[in-house]
Protein backbone atom coordinates (compact mmCIF):
# COMPACT_ATOMS: atom_id res chain seq x y z
CA MET A 1 0.00 0.00 0.00
CA GLY A 2 1.24 3.47 -0.84
CA PHE A 3 1.48 6.45 1.42
CA PHE A 4 -1.57 8.68 1.43
CA PRO A 5 -1.69 12.47 1.42
CA VAL A 6 -2.35 14.25 4.69
CA LEU A 7 -3.15 17.93 4.70
CA ILE A 8 -1.12 19.80 7.31
CA ILE A 9 -2.32 23.19 8.51
CA PHE A 10 0.04 25.65 10.16
CA PRO A 11 0.88 29.35 9.65
CA GLY A 12 2.27 30.08 6.21
CA PHE A 13 1.43 26.64 4.86
CA ARG A 14 0.39 26.14 1.25
CA ALA A 15 -1.34 22.96 0.23
CA ALA A 16 0.75 20.28 -1.40
CA SER A 17 -2.13 17.88 -1.33
CA GLY A 18 -5.67 18.01 -0.12
CA GLY A 19 -9.15 18.26 -1.37
CA GLY A 20 -11.79 15.75 -0.62
CA ILE A 21 -12.96 12.91 -2.73
CA SER A 22 -16.34 12.92 -4.41
CA PHE A 23 -18.65 10.00 -4.93
CA ALA A 24 -18.52 10.64 -8.68
CA THR A 25 -14.72 10.37 -8.58
CA LEU A 26 -15.12 6.89 -7.10
CA GLY A 27 -17.67 5.98 -9.77
CA MET A 28 -20.44 5.37 -7.26
CA THR A 29 -23.57 7.08 -6.08
CA ARG A 30 -24.11 8.08 -2.47
CA LYS A 31 -26.66 5.25 -2.11
CA GLN A 32 -24.24 2.65 -3.49
CA LEU A 33 -21.48 3.88 -1.24
CA PHE A 34 -23.48 3.60 1.95
CA GLN A 35 -25.03 0.23 1.18
CA GLY A 36 -21.75 -1.43 2.00
CA ARG A 37 -18.87 -0.62 4.30
CA LEU A 38 -17.37 2.85 4.13
CA PRO A 39 -14.12 2.44 2.16
CA HIS A 40 -10.98 3.37 4.11
CA GLU A 41 -9.71 5.27 1.06
CA ILE A 42 -12.54 7.79 1.42
CA ILE A 43 -11.96 8.18 5.16
CA ARG A 44 -8.18 8.58 4.78
CA LYS A 45 -8.63 11.28 2.15
CA LYS A 46 -10.74 13.24 4.63
CA ILE A 47 -8.31 12.95 7.55
CA LEU A 48 -6.41 16.19 8.13
CA SER A 49 -3.49 16.99 10.38
CA ILE A 50 -4.22 20.08 12.48
CA ARG A 51 -2.34 21.16 15.62
CA GLY A 52 -0.44 17.90 15.61
CA HIS A 53 -3.62 15.78 15.64
CA SER A 54 -5.14 13.64 12.91
CA VAL A 55 -8.72 14.87 12.70
CA LEU A 56 -11.96 14.71 10.73
CA LEU A 57 -14.18 17.70 10.06
CA ASP A 58 -17.67 17.76 11.56
CA SER A 59 -19.20 18.06 8.07
CA ASP A 60 -17.32 14.99 6.82
CA LEU A 61 -18.44 12.96 9.83
CA ALA A 62 -22.03 14.11 9.32
CA GLU A 63 -21.81 12.97 5.70
CA PHE A 64 -20.47 9.57 6.78
CA TYR A 65 -23.25 9.22 9.37
CA GLN A 66 -25.85 10.43 6.83
CA THR A 67 -27.04 13.26 9.04
CA GLU A 68 -26.84 17.05 9.03
CA THR A 69 -23.77 18.73 10.51
CA LYS A 70 -26.08 20.81 12.70
CA LYS A 71 -27.64 17.68 14.23
CA LEU A 72 -24.24 16.11 14.83
CA ILE A 73 -23.01 19.20 16.68
CA GLN A 74 -26.25 19.42 18.70
CA ALA A 75 -25.76 15.84 19.89
CA VAL A 76 -22.17 16.63 20.84
CA LYS A 77 -23.13 19.81 22.71
CA ARG A 78 -25.77 17.89 24.68
CA ASN A 79 -22.93 15.62 25.83
CA ALA A 80 -20.15 18.22 26.07
CA GLU A 81 -18.51 16.54 29.10
CA ARG A 82 -17.63 13.56 26.87
CA PHE A 83 -15.61 15.70 24.46
CA PRO A 84 -12.56 17.31 26.09
CA SER A 85 -10.24 19.42 23.95
CA ASP A 86 -8.08 16.42 22.97
CA PHE A 87 -11.20 14.70 21.54
CA MET A 88 -12.69 17.67 19.68
CA PHE A 89 -11.83 21.31 19.12
CA TYR A 90 -13.09 24.33 17.25
CA LEU A 91 -10.91 25.66 14.43
CA THR A 92 -9.51 29.17 14.72
CA ASP A 93 -10.36 31.72 12.05
CA LYS A 94 -6.84 31.32 10.58
CA GLU A 95 -7.13 27.51 10.42
CA PHE A 96 -10.57 27.80 8.86
CA MET A 97 -9.35 30.29 6.25
CA ASP A 98 -6.43 27.99 5.40
CA LEU A 99 -8.86 25.11 4.84
CA ARG A 100 -11.18 27.28 2.77
CA SER A 101 -8.33 28.53 0.60
CA GLN A 102 -7.41 24.91 -0.13
CA ASN A 103 -11.02 23.99 -1.00
CA VAL A 104 -11.28 21.51 1.87
CA THR A 105 -14.41 23.15 3.33
CA SER A 106 -17.47 24.71 1.80
CA LYS A 107 -17.31 28.44 1.11
CA GLY A 108 -20.98 28.74 2.10
CA ARG A 109 -20.30 27.70 5.68
CA ARG A 110 -21.04 30.46 8.22
CA TYR A 111 -19.24 29.01 11.24
CA ASN A 112 -15.80 27.54 11.79
CA PRO A 113 -15.97 23.76 11.91
CA TYR A 114 -15.33 21.47 14.82
CA VAL A 115 -12.80 18.73 14.23
CA PHE A 116 -12.70 15.35 15.95
CA THR A 117 -9.62 13.31 16.82
CA GLU A 118 -9.66 9.52 16.77
CA SER A 119 -10.70 9.54 20.45
CA GLY A 120 -13.50 12.00 19.65
CA VAL A 121 -14.76 9.79 16.84
CA ALA A 122 -14.77 6.81 19.22
CA MET A 123 -16.78 8.86 21.74
CA LEU A 124 -19.29 9.79 19.03
CA SER A 125 -20.50 6.20 19.00
CA SER A 126 -21.76 6.63 22.57
CA VAL A 127 -23.59 9.85 21.62
CA LEU A 128 -24.96 8.78 18.23
CA LYS A 129 -26.66 5.53 19.02
CA SER A 130 -27.78 4.50 15.56
CA ARG A 131 -26.54 1.29 13.99
CA ARG A 132 -25.15 3.37 11.12
CA ALA A 133 -23.05 5.46 13.55
CA VAL A 134 -21.58 2.35 15.16
CA LEU A 135 -20.67 0.78 11.80
CA VAL A 136 -19.18 4.02 10.48
CA ASN A 137 -17.16 4.51 13.67
CA ILE A 138 -15.68 1.04 13.33
CA GLU A 139 -14.52 1.85 9.80
CA ILE A 140 -13.14 5.26 10.82
CA ILE A 141 -11.17 3.74 13.72
CA ARG A 142 -9.81 1.10 11.33
CA ALA A 143 -8.72 3.85 8.93
CA PHE A 144 -6.94 5.73 11.76
CA VAL A 145 -5.18 2.50 12.81
CA GLN A 146 -4.18 1.76 9.21
CA MET A 147 -2.86 5.31 8.89
CA ARG A 148 -0.75 4.94 12.06
CA ARG A 149 0.69 1.65 10.77
CA GLN A 150 1.63 3.24 7.47
CA SER A 151 3.21 6.19 9.27
CA ALA A 152 5.24 3.79 11.42
CA LYS A 153 6.38 1.93 8.28
CA LEU A 154 7.37 5.23 6.69
CA ALA A 155 9.35 6.24 9.79
CA GLU A 156 11.11 2.87 9.71
CA LEU A 157 11.92 3.34 6.02
CA VAL A 158 13.36 6.81 6.69
CA LYS A 159 15.53 5.31 9.48
CA ASP A 160 16.74 2.59 7.11
CA ILE A 161 17.66 5.19 4.49
CA GLU A 162 19.59 7.19 7.10
CA ASN A 163 21.46 4.04 8.16
CA LEU A 164 22.25 3.29 4.51
CA LYS A 165 23.59 6.82 4.05
CA GLU A 166 25.89 6.36 7.07
CA THR A 167 27.12 3.00 5.74
CA GLU A 168 27.72 4.47 2.29
CA ASN A 169 29.52 7.40 3.87
CA ASP A 170 31.80 5.02 5.79
CA HIS A 171 32.48 3.03 2.62
CA PHE A 172 33.26 6.20 0.70
CA GLN A 173 35.67 7.35 3.41
CA HIS A 174 37.45 3.96 3.33
CA LEU A 175 37.66 4.15 -0.45
CA ALA A 176 39.02 7.70 -0.33
CA ARG A 177 41.70 6.63 2.20
CA GLY A 178 42.60 3.70 -0.02
CA ILE A 179 42.95 5.92 -3.07
CA ASN A 180 45.08 8.38 -1.08
CA TRP A 181 47.29 5.52 0.14
CA ILE A 182 47.75 4.24 -3.41
CA GLY A 183 48.55 7.78 -4.55
CA GLN A 184 51.17 8.12 -1.81
CA LYS A 185 52.75 4.79 -2.75
CA LEU A 186 52.91 5.78 -6.41
CA GLU A 187 54.58 9.08 -5.48
CA GLU A 188 57.09 7.22 -3.30
CA LYS A 189 57.95 4.86 -6.19
CA GLU A 190 58.48 7.78 -8.56
CA LYS A 191 60.99 9.34 -6.19
């Protein structure tokens, strides 16, 4: 499996990847999509990295749960004690503008979105008690786990490349010393 794009938001950042994925892009209708399991590919494309957390926008979660964003947020607000700041947080104006400029959120939206971490998504299943919410949450958690595994594999690959560079550097230094030694011996013979 290849590495997937993650949109990172911080001051001065310009998008290198991003955008959501549409049902038409996948060659399926909304009804077809939600008859089966929610594909991890769709979830992963919606996961953003904001403030050092992997998060999903409230509007994307509402779409997955087949409900309105307003209703999702109302359910969360009724159970606010279950959603501390490391489970869910409200985007700042700057973060929201960065997302809007990268076409990640709707321009018609009047309020900054809430975003949910993996823990927040897990807590949503206790607030949204429908069967659909439970099934969607299972798939979202699986996507987060898959993303962590791929990130760990990437970190391991980067470490291996660094080790290879060190080994190659050592080999090059030995080779350079050998060439210098040969050069010195040739000079000594010529004298």
